Amino acid sequence: MPELSFVTLDVFTTKRFAGNPLAVVHVPAGTEIAQDTKQTIAREFNFSETVFLHEPAAGATNPNEHIVDIFTTTQELPFAGHPTIGTASHVLKTGSVSDTALLVKAGRIPIERVGTDDPLVVRASVPHDVHIHAGHLRTTEGIDAVLKSGAIGHGDPAIEKAELDAPVASIVRGMSFVLVQLASLEQLASLSAQGRGLDFDLLPSLLDAGPWSREEAGGHISRYYYVVTGGEGNVVDIRTRMIGLREEDPATGSAACTLASYLTLTKGKEGTLNRYNITQGVEMGRQSDILVEVATSADGSIDKVFLGGSAVEVTRGKLAV
């Protein structure tokens, strides 16, 4: 196997060493890489996500469609936000921009440049099949043992209550989030990823049964905390944090899309474009600026979900496999 070239980028930022790091590994046309090899490479980079960008084959029907595989250090994902924006920025900066799209497991993602800024601002029309689950942590089988373990609430009864009653939503099958609204930025700042993490494997019935269940959909679930900090009309400003099992993510585009979609369905105005300016990663010293726009149809259902942001290249290199 030849050496594979790669770049790393910081995503949802215009400054290096902020935002969320991403590795993009180029896979030459005709090169096959085993699934377990991709997973090993993702663990080696040790970023929240690593992307494998497959170069289109010679004579491809649309050479501007790029197959993209997204891996965390432990699993492949059907969709993730910061890999989408980081890869889109990389592709649109170095190649043609006409009818360009990323092909991920969740579907086709058209991507485009927004303006002529440097670093480039890009926007992606993300796949979505938004589903709000019926249950909450409070009503889930096994929650009593989780509560006794101290994995919920971060030692604050008010945060515990907010977590237990928070809605659970999915942007697509396999990408689900507990959307925890907090009362203040002080509460948001008090969260810690260093305590006992919440292992969602202990709560297998949290998601709705059938195709949305973890058993059938697989994928990822975590807690996404947010505080509405301002806004006017159809524009909302939000600060967020994403706490995983024992880690924190500086930018979570899939969670931002899920939250924006949920807020639009429950609080947005029908037949309009709702804009969400989401800031994440402040407490980690890696501020990330995420733009989500949700377009609704006349009946109030979600028509389009757009994810936007910038990325800056940090390193280039060769990967010996």
Protein backbone atom coordinates (compact mmCIF):
# COMPACT_ATOMS: atom_id res chain seq x y z
CA MET A 1 0.00 0.00 0.00
CA PRO A 2 1.37 3.46 -0.87
CA GLU A 3 1.84 6.13 1.75
CA LEU A 4 -1.30 8.17 2.35
CA SER A 5 -1.15 11.95 2.46
CA PHE A 6 -3.08 13.78 5.15
CA VAL A 7 -3.84 17.23 6.45
CA THR A 8 -5.06 18.34 9.85
CA LEU A 9 -7.36 21.29 10.28
CA ASP A 10 -8.91 23.25 13.11
CA VAL A 11 -12.62 23.49 12.37
CA PHE A 12 -15.28 26.09 13.25
CA THR A 13 -12.63 28.73 13.71
CA THR A 14 -10.53 31.19 11.73
CA LYS A 15 -7.54 30.79 14.09
CA ARG A 16 -5.12 27.90 14.41
CA PHE A 17 -5.13 26.05 17.74
CA ALA A 18 -8.79 26.90 18.37
CA GLY A 19 -11.93 25.08 17.24
CA ASN A 20 -12.02 21.32 16.87
CA PRO A 21 -9.07 19.42 15.33
CA LEU A 22 -9.71 17.09 12.40
CA ALA A 23 -7.52 14.78 10.34
CA VAL A 24 -8.34 14.27 6.65
CA VAL A 25 -6.61 11.24 5.13
CA HIS A 26 -6.53 11.07 1.32
CA VAL A 27 -7.31 7.65 -0.16
CA PRO A 28 -6.17 7.40 -3.82
CA ALA A 29 -8.65 6.08 -6.36
CA GLY A 30 -8.51 2.30 -6.55
CA THR A 31 -6.92 1.93 -3.11
CA GLU A 32 -8.76 -0.30 -0.64
CA ILE A 33 -8.28 0.19 3.09
CA ALA A 34 -9.78 -2.29 5.51
CA GLN A 35 -12.26 -1.07 8.08
CA ASP A 36 -10.05 -2.11 11.00
CA THR A 37 -7.10 -0.25 9.43
CA LYS A 38 -9.15 2.93 9.21
CA GLN A 39 -10.14 2.49 12.84
CA THR A 40 -6.49 2.02 13.83
CA ILE A 41 -5.46 5.17 11.97
CA ALA A 42 -8.24 7.13 13.70
CA ARG A 43 -6.97 5.93 17.08
CA GLU A 44 -3.46 6.99 16.11
CA PHE A 45 -4.56 10.56 15.35
CA ASN A 46 -6.63 10.48 18.56
CA PHE A 47 -8.86 13.34 17.45
CA SER A 48 -12.58 13.24 18.12
CA GLU A 49 -12.96 12.38 14.41
CA THR A 50 -10.77 11.39 11.47
CA VAL A 51 -12.01 11.51 7.87
CA PHE A 52 -11.01 9.25 4.99
CA LEU A 53 -11.49 11.21 1.77
CA HIS A 54 -11.69 8.88 -1.23
CA GLU A 55 -10.45 10.43 -4.47
CA PRO A 56 -12.95 9.99 -7.34
CA ALA A 57 -12.06 7.34 -9.89
CA ALA A 58 -11.02 8.37 -13.38
CA GLY A 59 -14.11 8.77 -15.51
CA ALA A 60 -16.45 9.13 -12.53
CA THR A 61 -19.92 10.41 -13.46
CA ASN A 62 -19.49 13.35 -11.11
CA PRO A 63 -15.83 13.91 -10.16
CA ASN A 64 -16.95 16.53 -7.64
CA GLU A 65 -18.73 13.95 -5.47
CA HIS A 66 -16.39 12.72 -2.76
CA ILE A 67 -16.94 9.56 -0.71
CA VAL A 68 -16.16 10.33 2.93
CA ASP A 69 -15.84 7.89 5.84
CA ILE A 70 -15.96 9.38 9.34
CA PHE A 71 -14.37 7.61 12.31
CA THR A 72 -14.07 8.39 15.99
CA THR A 73 -11.38 6.57 17.96
CA THR A 74 -13.85 3.72 18.56
CA GLN A 75 -16.42 3.59 15.73
CA GLU A 76 -17.56 4.79 12.32
CA LEU A 77 -20.27 7.47 12.25
CA PRO A 78 -23.01 8.01 9.65
CA PHE A 79 -22.67 11.80 9.93
CA ALA A 80 -20.78 14.35 12.01
CA GLY A 81 -20.68 18.10 11.75
CA HIS A 82 -17.11 19.24 12.21
CA PRO A 83 -15.76 16.55 9.83
CA THR A 84 -18.28 17.78 7.25
CA ILE A 85 -17.24 21.44 7.53
CA GLY A 86 -13.52 20.62 7.75
CA THR A 87 -13.63 18.32 4.73
CA ALA A 88 -15.81 20.77 2.79
CA SER A 89 -13.33 23.57 3.47
CA HIS A 90 -10.44 21.38 2.32
CA VAL A 91 -12.21 20.19 -0.83
CA LEU A 92 -13.55 23.60 -1.86
CA LYS A 93 -10.18 25.27 -1.29
CA THR A 94 -8.22 22.84 -3.42
CA GLY A 95 -10.66 21.75 -6.13
CA SER A 96 -13.59 22.65 -8.33
CA VAL A 97 -16.65 24.16 -6.63
CA SER A 98 -19.34 23.26 -9.18
CA ASP A 99 -22.00 20.81 -7.96
CA THR A 100 -19.71 19.58 -5.19
CA ALA A 101 -20.92 17.13 -2.56
CA LEU A 102 -19.70 14.80 0.16
CA LEU A 103 -21.14 11.28 0.24
CA VAL A 104 -21.33 10.06 3.84
CA LYS A 105 -23.12 7.04 5.25
CA ALA A 106 -26.14 9.20 6.14
CA GLY A 107 -26.52 10.54 2.60
CA ARG A 108 -25.38 13.14 0.10
CA ILE A 109 -24.21 16.51 1.47
CA PRO A 110 -24.05 19.38 -1.06
CA ILE A 111 -21.37 21.89 -0.07
CA GLU A 112 -20.71 25.46 -1.19
CA ARG A 113 -18.54 28.49 -0.55
CA VAL A 114 -20.10 31.46 1.22
CA GLY A 115 -18.46 34.71 0.13
CA THR A 116 -14.75 35.09 -0.59
CA ASP A 117 -13.29 35.33 2.92
CA ASP A 118 -9.96 33.78 3.83
CA PRO A 119 -10.18 31.46 5.73
CA LEU A 120 -12.99 30.19 3.57
CA VAL A 121 -16.53 30.10 4.96
CA VAL A 122 -18.43 27.03 3.77
CA ARG A 123 -21.98 25.80 4.11
CA ALA A 124 -23.30 22.25 3.90
CA SER A 125 -26.86 21.08 3.40
CA VAL A 126 -26.78 18.24 5.89
CA PRO A 127 -28.83 15.04 5.78
CA HIS A 128 -31.61 15.04 8.32
CA ASP A 129 -34.45 12.86 9.50
CA VAL A 130 -35.16 14.59 12.77
CA HIS A 131 -36.81 12.45 15.41
CA ILE A 132 -37.80 13.48 18.95
CA HIS A 133 -37.88 10.44 21.19
CA ALA A 134 -40.74 9.82 23.57
CA GLY A 135 -38.69 9.06 26.66
CA HIS A 136 -36.41 11.02 28.97
CA LEU A 137 -33.60 9.98 31.28
CA ARG A 138 -36.03 10.19 34.22
CA THR A 139 -38.35 7.56 32.71
CA THR A 140 -35.69 5.17 31.39
CA GLU A 141 -35.18 1.71 32.82
CA GLY A 142 -31.91 1.56 34.75
CA ILE A 143 -31.80 5.27 35.62
CA ASP A 144 -31.91 4.65 39.39
CA ALA A 145 -28.56 2.85 39.34
CA VAL A 146 -27.06 5.57 37.12
CA LEU A 147 -28.28 8.25 39.54
CA LYS A 148 -26.72 6.43 42.49
CA SER A 149 -23.41 6.28 40.64
CA GLY A 150 -23.25 10.09 40.44
CA ALA A 151 -23.11 10.13 36.63
CA ILE A 152 -25.86 12.74 36.30
CA GLY A 153 -26.06 16.32 37.52
CA HIS A 154 -22.39 17.20 38.06
CA GLY A 155 -23.13 17.50 41.79
CA ASP A 156 -25.83 20.16 41.27
CA PRO A 157 -29.49 19.22 41.96
CA ALA A 158 -30.73 21.83 39.46
CA ILE A 159 -28.54 20.42 36.68
CA GLU A 160 -29.60 16.89 37.63
CA LYS A 161 -33.26 17.83 37.23
CA ALA A 162 -32.56 19.52 33.90
CA GLU A 163 -30.79 16.39 32.63
CA LEU A 164 -33.48 14.00 33.83
CA ASP A 165 -36.27 15.95 32.10
CA ALA A 166 -34.35 16.96 28.95
CA PRO A 167 -35.69 15.95 25.52
CA VAL A 168 -33.82 13.36 23.49
CA ALA A 169 -33.54 13.93 19.74
CA SER A 170 -31.78 12.49 16.69
CA ILE A 171 -30.69 14.39 13.59
CA VAL A 172 -30.36 11.09 11.69
CA ARG A 173 -30.49 7.48 12.78
CA GLY A 174 -27.40 6.78 14.87
CA MET A 175 -26.71 10.38 15.99
CA SER A 176 -28.70 11.24 19.11
CA PHE A 177 -28.36 13.80 21.90
CA VAL A 178 -29.90 14.59 25.27
CA LEU A 179 -30.57 18.34 24.91
CA VAL A 180 -30.10 19.86 28.36
CA GLN A 181 -31.12 23.50 28.75
CA LEU A 182 -29.42 25.23 31.69
CA ALA A 183 -30.43 28.45 33.43
CA SER A 184 -27.15 30.36 33.23
CA LEU A 185 -23.62 30.50 31.90
CA GLU A 186 -22.45 29.94 35.47
CA GLN A 187 -24.21 26.56 35.47
CA LEU A 188 -22.70 25.79 32.08
CA ALA A 189 -19.21 26.65 33.34
CA SER A 190 -19.63 24.36 36.35
CA LEU A 191 -19.86 21.20 34.23
CA SER A 192 -16.94 18.81 34.27
CA ALA A 193 -15.89 15.99 31.99
CA GLN A 194 -13.52 14.68 34.65
CA GLY A 195 -16.14 13.13 36.93
CA ARG A 196 -17.99 9.88 36.50
CA GLY A 197 -19.21 9.76 32.92
CA LEU A 198 -22.65 8.69 31.77
CA ASP A 199 -22.41 5.36 29.96
CA PHE A 200 -25.46 5.17 27.72
CA ASP A 201 -24.92 1.43 27.29
CA LEU A 202 -26.48 1.20 30.75
CA LEU A 203 -29.66 2.81 29.40
CA PRO A 204 -30.44 0.76 26.26
CA SER A 205 -34.14 1.71 26.22
CA LEU A 206 -33.61 5.50 26.22
CA LEU A 207 -34.21 5.78 22.47
CA ASP A 208 -37.46 4.76 20.84
CA ALA A 209 -37.75 1.11 19.85
CA GLY A 210 -37.46 -0.05 16.28
CA PRO A 211 -35.31 1.66 13.65
CA TRP A 212 -34.33 4.51 16.02
CA SER A 213 -33.05 2.23 18.78
CA ARG A 214 -29.36 1.88 19.52
CA GLU A 215 -29.69 -1.82 18.76
CA GLU A 216 -30.74 -1.13 15.16
CA ALA A 217 -29.28 2.32 14.47
CA GLY A 218 -26.04 2.02 16.45
CA GLY A 219 -24.00 5.21 16.37
CA HIS A 220 -23.54 7.82 19.05
CA ILE A 221 -25.44 9.38 21.94
CA SER A 222 -24.26 12.01 24.43
CA ARG A 223 -25.40 15.03 26.45
CA TYR A 224 -25.46 18.47 24.84
CA TYR A 225 -25.86 21.34 27.31
CA TYR A 226 -26.96 24.79 26.22
CA VAL A 227 -27.87 28.28 27.40
CA VAL A 228 -29.78 30.73 25.20
CA THR A 229 -27.80 33.97 25.48
CA GLY A 230 -29.70 36.29 23.17
CA GLY A 231 -31.18 36.84 19.77
CA GLU A 232 -34.00 38.60 18.03
CA GLY A 233 -36.72 37.39 15.70
CA ASN A 234 -35.62 34.20 13.99
CA VAL A 235 -32.00 34.58 15.11
CA VAL A 236 -30.93 32.85 18.34
CA ASP A 237 -27.55 33.05 20.11
CA ILE A 238 -26.57 29.98 22.13
CA ARG A 239 -23.60 28.77 24.21
CA THR A 240 -23.11 25.03 24.41
CA ARG A 241 -20.96 22.23 25.79
CA MET A 242 -20.89 18.58 24.77
CA ILE A 243 -19.89 16.14 27.50
CA GLY A 244 -19.20 12.55 26.48
CA LEU A 245 -18.37 9.54 28.62
CA ARG A 246 -15.10 10.97 29.92
CA GLU A 247 -14.31 13.70 27.44
CA GLU A 248 -15.50 17.06 26.17
CA ASP A 249 -15.78 18.06 22.52
CA PRO A 250 -14.88 21.64 21.51
CA ALA A 251 -17.32 21.65 18.56
CA THR A 252 -20.13 19.24 17.77
CA GLY A 253 -21.84 20.14 14.52
CA SER A 254 -24.23 17.17 14.57
CA ALA A 255 -25.41 18.14 18.06
CA ALA A 256 -25.75 21.77 17.00
CA CYS A 257 -27.91 20.68 14.06
CA THR A 258 -29.99 18.48 16.34
CA LEU A 259 -30.52 21.28 18.86
CA ALA A 260 -31.39 23.83 16.17
CA SER A 261 -33.84 21.42 14.56
CA TYR A 262 -35.48 20.64 17.90
CA LEU A 263 -35.81 24.33 18.80
CA THR A 264 -37.26 25.07 15.37
CA LEU A 265 -39.85 22.30 15.66
CA THR A 266 -40.89 23.35 19.15
CA LYS A 267 -40.34 27.13 19.17
CA GLY A 268 -39.59 28.29 15.62
CA LYS A 269 -41.90 30.07 13.21
CA GLU A 270 -43.47 28.12 10.38
CA GLY A 271 -42.37 28.78 6.82
CA THR A 272 -39.24 30.69 7.80
CA LEU A 273 -35.47 30.35 7.96
CA ASN A 274 -34.32 30.14 11.57
CA ARG A 275 -30.67 31.01 12.28
CA TYR A 276 -28.71 29.76 15.30
CA ASN A 277 -25.32 31.24 16.20
CA ILE A 278 -23.80 28.57 18.44
CA THR A 279 -20.58 29.05 20.41
CA GLN A 280 -18.92 25.97 21.92
CA GLY A 281 -15.54 25.08 23.44
CA VAL A 282 -15.04 28.34 25.38
CA GLU A 283 -14.40 26.54 28.67
CA MET A 284 -11.76 24.37 26.97
CA GLY A 285 -9.90 27.34 25.53
CA ARG A 286 -10.87 26.24 21.99
CA GLN A 287 -13.74 28.53 21.05
CA SER A 288 -15.75 27.25 18.10
CA ASP A 289 -18.27 29.29 16.11
CA ILE A 290 -20.99 27.18 14.53
CA LEU A 291 -23.77 28.46 12.29
CA VAL A 292 -26.93 26.40 11.80
CA GLU A 293 -29.83 27.49 9.62
CA VAL A 294 -33.08 25.53 9.61
CA ALA A 295 -35.60 26.15 6.84
CA THR A 296 -39.18 25.07 7.48
CA SER A 297 -42.04 24.31 5.14
CA ALA A 298 -45.44 25.96 5.32
CA ASP A 299 -46.70 23.16 7.57
CA GLY A 300 -43.87 23.69 10.07
CA SER A 301 -41.90 20.57 9.15
CA ILE A 302 -38.17 20.81 8.56
CA ASP A 303 -37.24 21.31 4.91
CA LYS A 304 -33.49 22.03 5.00
CA VAL A 305 -30.73 22.08 7.62
CA PHE A 306 -27.61 24.06 6.75
CA LEU A 307 -24.38 23.86 8.74
CA GLY A 308 -21.76 26.56 8.25
CA GLY A 309 -18.33 27.58 9.46
CA SER A 310 -14.64 27.95 8.66
CA ALA A 311 -11.56 25.78 9.01
CA VAL A 312 -7.82 26.46 8.91
CA GLU A 313 -5.10 24.02 7.91
CA VAL A 314 -2.53 23.22 10.60
CA THR A 315 -0.31 20.37 9.33
CA ARG A 316 0.42 18.27 6.25
CA GLY A 317 2.18 14.94 6.11
CA LYS A 318 2.48 11.34 4.91
CA LEU A 319 1.02 8.38 6.71
CA ALA A 320 2.87 5.06 6.50
CA VAL A 321 0.37 2.22 6.72
